[in-house]
Amino acid sequence: MKTQVWITASVYVLAAIVCRRLDLNVEPYPFLQVVSVAVFEKLPIQAALSPDASGSGDATESNQLNLLGF
């Protein structure tokens, strides 16, 4: 149990250091979420964290399934 707490704290501190060194305007927790999803993509971290990285809203809406016409 103690080891898990220390590992979690260490990863959070390392994420904060990376965010600071890369001059990213994002908190460590969202940074870790993006890294966990985009770790296998060939995409720079700055591009993954930019607001327009998700693409246009129309493209994501067209990929969504329609549930009962809502």
N, C-alpha and C. Protein backbone atom coordinates (compact mmCIF):
# COMPACT_ATOMS: atom_id res chain seq x y z
N MET A 1 0.83 -1.19 0.00
CA MET A 1 0.00 0.00 0.00
C MET A 1 0.87 1.26 0.00
N LYS A 2 1.90 1.27 0.83
CA LYS A 2 2.78 2.43 0.87
C LYS A 2 3.46 2.65 -0.47
N THR A 3 3.85 1.56 -1.11
CA THR A 3 4.54 1.65 -2.39
C THR A 3 3.65 2.29 -3.45
N GLN A 4 2.39 1.93 -3.47
CA GLN A 4 1.46 2.50 -4.44
C GLN A 4 1.30 4.00 -4.23
N VAL A 5 1.24 4.43 -3.00
CA VAL A 5 1.12 5.86 -2.71
C VAL A 5 2.36 6.60 -3.17
N TRP A 6 3.54 6.05 -2.91
CA TRP A 6 4.78 6.70 -3.33
C TRP A 6 4.90 6.74 -4.85
N ILE A 7 4.50 5.67 -5.52
CA ILE A 7 4.56 5.66 -6.98
C ILE A 7 3.60 6.69 -7.55
N THR A 8 2.39 6.77 -7.00
CA THR A 8 1.41 7.75 -7.47
C THR A 8 1.92 9.17 -7.28
N ALA A 9 2.47 9.45 -6.11
CA ALA A 9 3.00 10.78 -5.85
C ALA A 9 4.17 11.09 -6.77
N SER A 10 5.02 10.12 -7.00
CA SER A 10 6.18 10.33 -7.88
C SER A 10 5.76 10.61 -9.31
N VAL A 11 4.79 9.86 -9.81
CA VAL A 11 4.31 10.07 -11.18
C VAL A 11 3.66 11.45 -11.31
N TYR A 12 2.90 11.86 -10.32
CA TYR A 12 2.26 13.17 -10.36
C TYR A 12 3.30 14.28 -10.36
N VAL A 13 4.34 14.15 -9.54
CA VAL A 13 5.41 15.15 -9.50
C VAL A 13 6.16 15.18 -10.82
N LEU A 14 6.44 14.01 -11.39
CA LEU A 14 7.11 13.97 -12.69
C LEU A 14 6.26 14.62 -13.78
N ALA A 15 4.95 14.39 -13.74
CA ALA A 15 4.06 15.03 -14.71
C ALA A 15 4.07 16.54 -14.54
N ALA A 16 4.09 17.01 -13.31
CA ALA A 16 4.16 18.46 -13.07
C ALA A 16 5.46 19.03 -13.60
N ILE A 17 6.56 18.30 -13.43
CA ILE A 17 7.85 18.77 -13.93
C ILE A 17 7.84 18.83 -15.45
N VAL A 18 7.30 17.81 -16.10
CA VAL A 18 7.23 17.80 -17.57
C VAL A 18 6.37 18.94 -18.07
N CYS A 19 5.24 19.16 -17.43
CA CYS A 19 4.36 20.27 -17.84
C CYS A 19 5.09 21.60 -17.71
N ARG A 20 5.85 21.75 -16.67
CA ARG A 20 6.57 23.01 -16.44
C ARG A 20 7.70 23.19 -17.44
N ARG A 21 8.47 22.12 -17.70
CA ARG A 21 9.60 22.21 -18.63
C ARG A 21 9.15 22.43 -20.06
N LEU A 22 8.02 21.84 -20.45
CA LEU A 22 7.50 22.02 -21.80
C LEU A 22 6.67 23.29 -21.92
N ASP A 23 6.52 24.02 -20.81
CA ASP A 23 5.74 25.26 -20.77
C ASP A 23 4.31 25.04 -21.26
N LEU A 24 3.68 23.98 -20.74
CA LEU A 24 2.30 23.67 -21.09
C LEU A 24 1.36 24.33 -20.10
N ASN A 25 0.28 24.85 -20.61
CA ASN A 25 -0.73 25.47 -19.74
C ASN A 25 -1.81 24.46 -19.39
N VAL A 26 -1.39 23.38 -18.75
CA VAL A 26 -2.33 22.32 -18.38
C VAL A 26 -1.89 21.75 -17.04
N GLU A 27 -2.87 21.31 -16.28
CA GLU A 27 -2.59 20.68 -14.99
C GLU A 27 -2.01 19.29 -15.21
N PRO A 28 -1.30 18.75 -14.22
CA PRO A 28 -0.70 17.41 -14.38
C PRO A 28 -1.72 16.29 -14.60
N TYR A 29 -2.87 16.33 -13.96
CA TYR A 29 -3.83 15.24 -14.11
C TYR A 29 -4.36 15.12 -15.54
N PRO A 30 -4.85 16.22 -16.17
CA PRO A 30 -5.26 16.09 -17.58
C PRO A 30 -4.09 15.71 -18.49
N PHE A 31 -2.89 16.17 -18.16
CA PHE A 31 -1.71 15.79 -18.93
C PHE A 31 -1.52 14.28 -18.88
N LEU A 32 -1.66 13.69 -17.70
CA LEU A 32 -1.50 12.24 -17.56
C LEU A 32 -2.59 11.49 -18.31
N GLN A 33 -3.80 12.04 -18.35
CA GLN A 33 -4.88 11.40 -19.10
C GLN A 33 -4.57 11.39 -20.60
N VAL A 34 -4.07 12.51 -21.12
CA VAL A 34 -3.73 12.59 -22.54
C VAL A 34 -2.58 11.66 -22.86
N VAL A 35 -1.58 11.62 -22.00
CA VAL A 35 -0.43 10.75 -22.23
C VAL A 35 -0.86 9.29 -22.21
N SER A 36 -1.76 8.92 -21.32
CA SER A 36 -2.17 7.52 -21.25
C SER A 36 -2.94 7.09 -22.49
N VAL A 37 -3.64 8.02 -23.13
CA VAL A 37 -4.39 7.69 -24.34
C VAL A 37 -3.51 7.80 -25.57
N ALA A 38 -2.65 8.82 -25.63
CA ALA A 38 -1.88 9.11 -26.83
C ALA A 38 -0.47 8.52 -26.79
N VAL A 39 -0.21 7.60 -25.89
CA VAL A 39 1.15 7.08 -25.75
C VAL A 39 1.57 6.28 -26.99
N PHE A 40 0.64 5.66 -27.69
CA PHE A 40 0.98 4.85 -28.84
C PHE A 40 0.80 5.59 -30.17
N GLU A 41 0.38 6.84 -30.14
CA GLU A 41 0.23 7.62 -31.35
C GLU A 41 1.49 8.42 -31.62
N LYS A 42 1.78 8.65 -32.88
CA LYS A 42 2.93 9.47 -33.25
C LYS A 42 2.46 10.91 -33.36
N LEU A 43 2.26 11.52 -32.20
CA LEU A 43 1.74 12.88 -32.11
C LEU A 43 2.51 13.62 -31.03
N PRO A 44 3.02 14.80 -31.35
CA PRO A 44 3.73 15.56 -30.32
C PRO A 44 2.80 15.90 -29.15
N ILE A 45 3.37 15.97 -27.96
CA ILE A 45 2.56 16.25 -26.76
C ILE A 45 1.86 17.60 -26.88
N GLN A 46 2.56 18.61 -27.41
CA GLN A 46 1.94 19.93 -27.55
C GLN A 46 0.72 19.87 -28.46
N ALA A 47 0.79 19.07 -29.52
CA ALA A 47 -0.35 18.94 -30.43
C ALA A 47 -1.50 18.19 -29.76
N ALA A 48 -1.18 17.19 -28.95
CA ALA A 48 -2.23 16.43 -28.27
C ALA A 48 -2.95 17.27 -27.23
N LEU A 49 -2.25 18.24 -26.64
CA LEU A 49 -2.85 19.06 -25.59
C LEU A 49 -3.47 20.35 -26.10
N SER A 50 -3.34 20.64 -27.39
CA SER A 50 -3.91 21.87 -27.92
C SER A 50 -5.43 21.74 -28.00
N PRO A 51 -6.15 22.84 -27.87
CA PRO A 51 -7.62 22.77 -27.88
C PRO A 51 -8.20 22.24 -29.18
N ASP A 52 -7.53 22.46 -30.31
CA ASP A 52 -8.07 22.01 -31.59
C ASP A 52 -7.59 20.62 -31.98
N ALA A 53 -6.99 19.89 -31.04
CA ALA A 53 -6.47 18.55 -31.33
C ALA A 53 -7.59 17.55 -31.59
N SER A 54 -8.76 17.80 -31.05
CA SER A 54 -9.87 16.87 -31.24
C SER A 54 -10.49 17.00 -32.63
N GLY A 55 -10.12 18.00 -33.38
CA GLY A 55 -10.69 18.19 -34.71
C GLY A 55 -11.96 18.99 -34.63
N SER A 56 -12.67 19.03 -35.73
CA SER A 56 -13.91 19.81 -35.75
C SER A 56 -15.02 19.06 -35.04
N GLY A 57 -15.96 19.78 -34.51
CA GLY A 57 -17.08 19.17 -33.79
C GLY A 57 -17.95 18.34 -34.71
N ASP A 58 -18.06 18.72 -36.00
CA ASP A 58 -18.89 18.00 -36.95
C ASP A 58 -18.36 16.59 -37.19
N ALA A 59 -17.03 16.45 -37.25
CA ALA A 59 -16.44 15.14 -37.52
C ALA A 59 -16.71 14.18 -36.38
N THR A 60 -16.65 14.66 -35.15
CA THR A 60 -16.90 13.77 -34.02
C THR A 60 -18.39 13.44 -33.91
N GLU A 61 -19.25 14.38 -34.26
CA GLU A 61 -20.68 14.12 -34.19
C GLU A 61 -21.10 13.10 -35.24
N SER A 62 -20.47 13.12 -36.42
CA SER A 62 -20.85 12.18 -37.47
C SER A 62 -20.42 10.76 -37.12
N ASN A 63 -19.44 10.61 -36.24
CA ASN A 63 -18.97 9.28 -35.84
C ASN A 63 -19.78 8.71 -34.68
N GLN A 64 -20.67 9.49 -34.09
CA GLN A 64 -21.45 9.04 -32.96
C GLN A 64 -22.71 8.32 -33.43
N LEU A 65 -23.06 7.27 -32.72
CA LEU A 65 -24.29 6.56 -33.04
C LEU A 65 -25.48 7.33 -32.51
N ASN A 66 -26.59 7.20 -33.20
CA ASN A 66 -27.82 7.89 -32.81
C ASN A 66 -28.67 6.92 -31.98
N LEU A 67 -28.99 7.28 -30.76
CA LEU A 67 -29.79 6.43 -29.88
C LEU A 67 -31.22 6.97 -29.84
N LEU A 68 -32.13 6.28 -30.47
CA LEU A 68 -33.56 6.63 -30.47
C LEU A 68 -33.81 8.04 -31.01
N GLY A 69 -32.97 8.51 -31.91
CA GLY A 69 -33.20 9.80 -32.57
C GLY A 69 -32.85 11.01 -31.73
N PHE A 70 -32.16 10.83 -30.62
CA PHE A 70 -31.81 11.98 -29.78
C PHE A 70 -30.50 12.56 -30.20
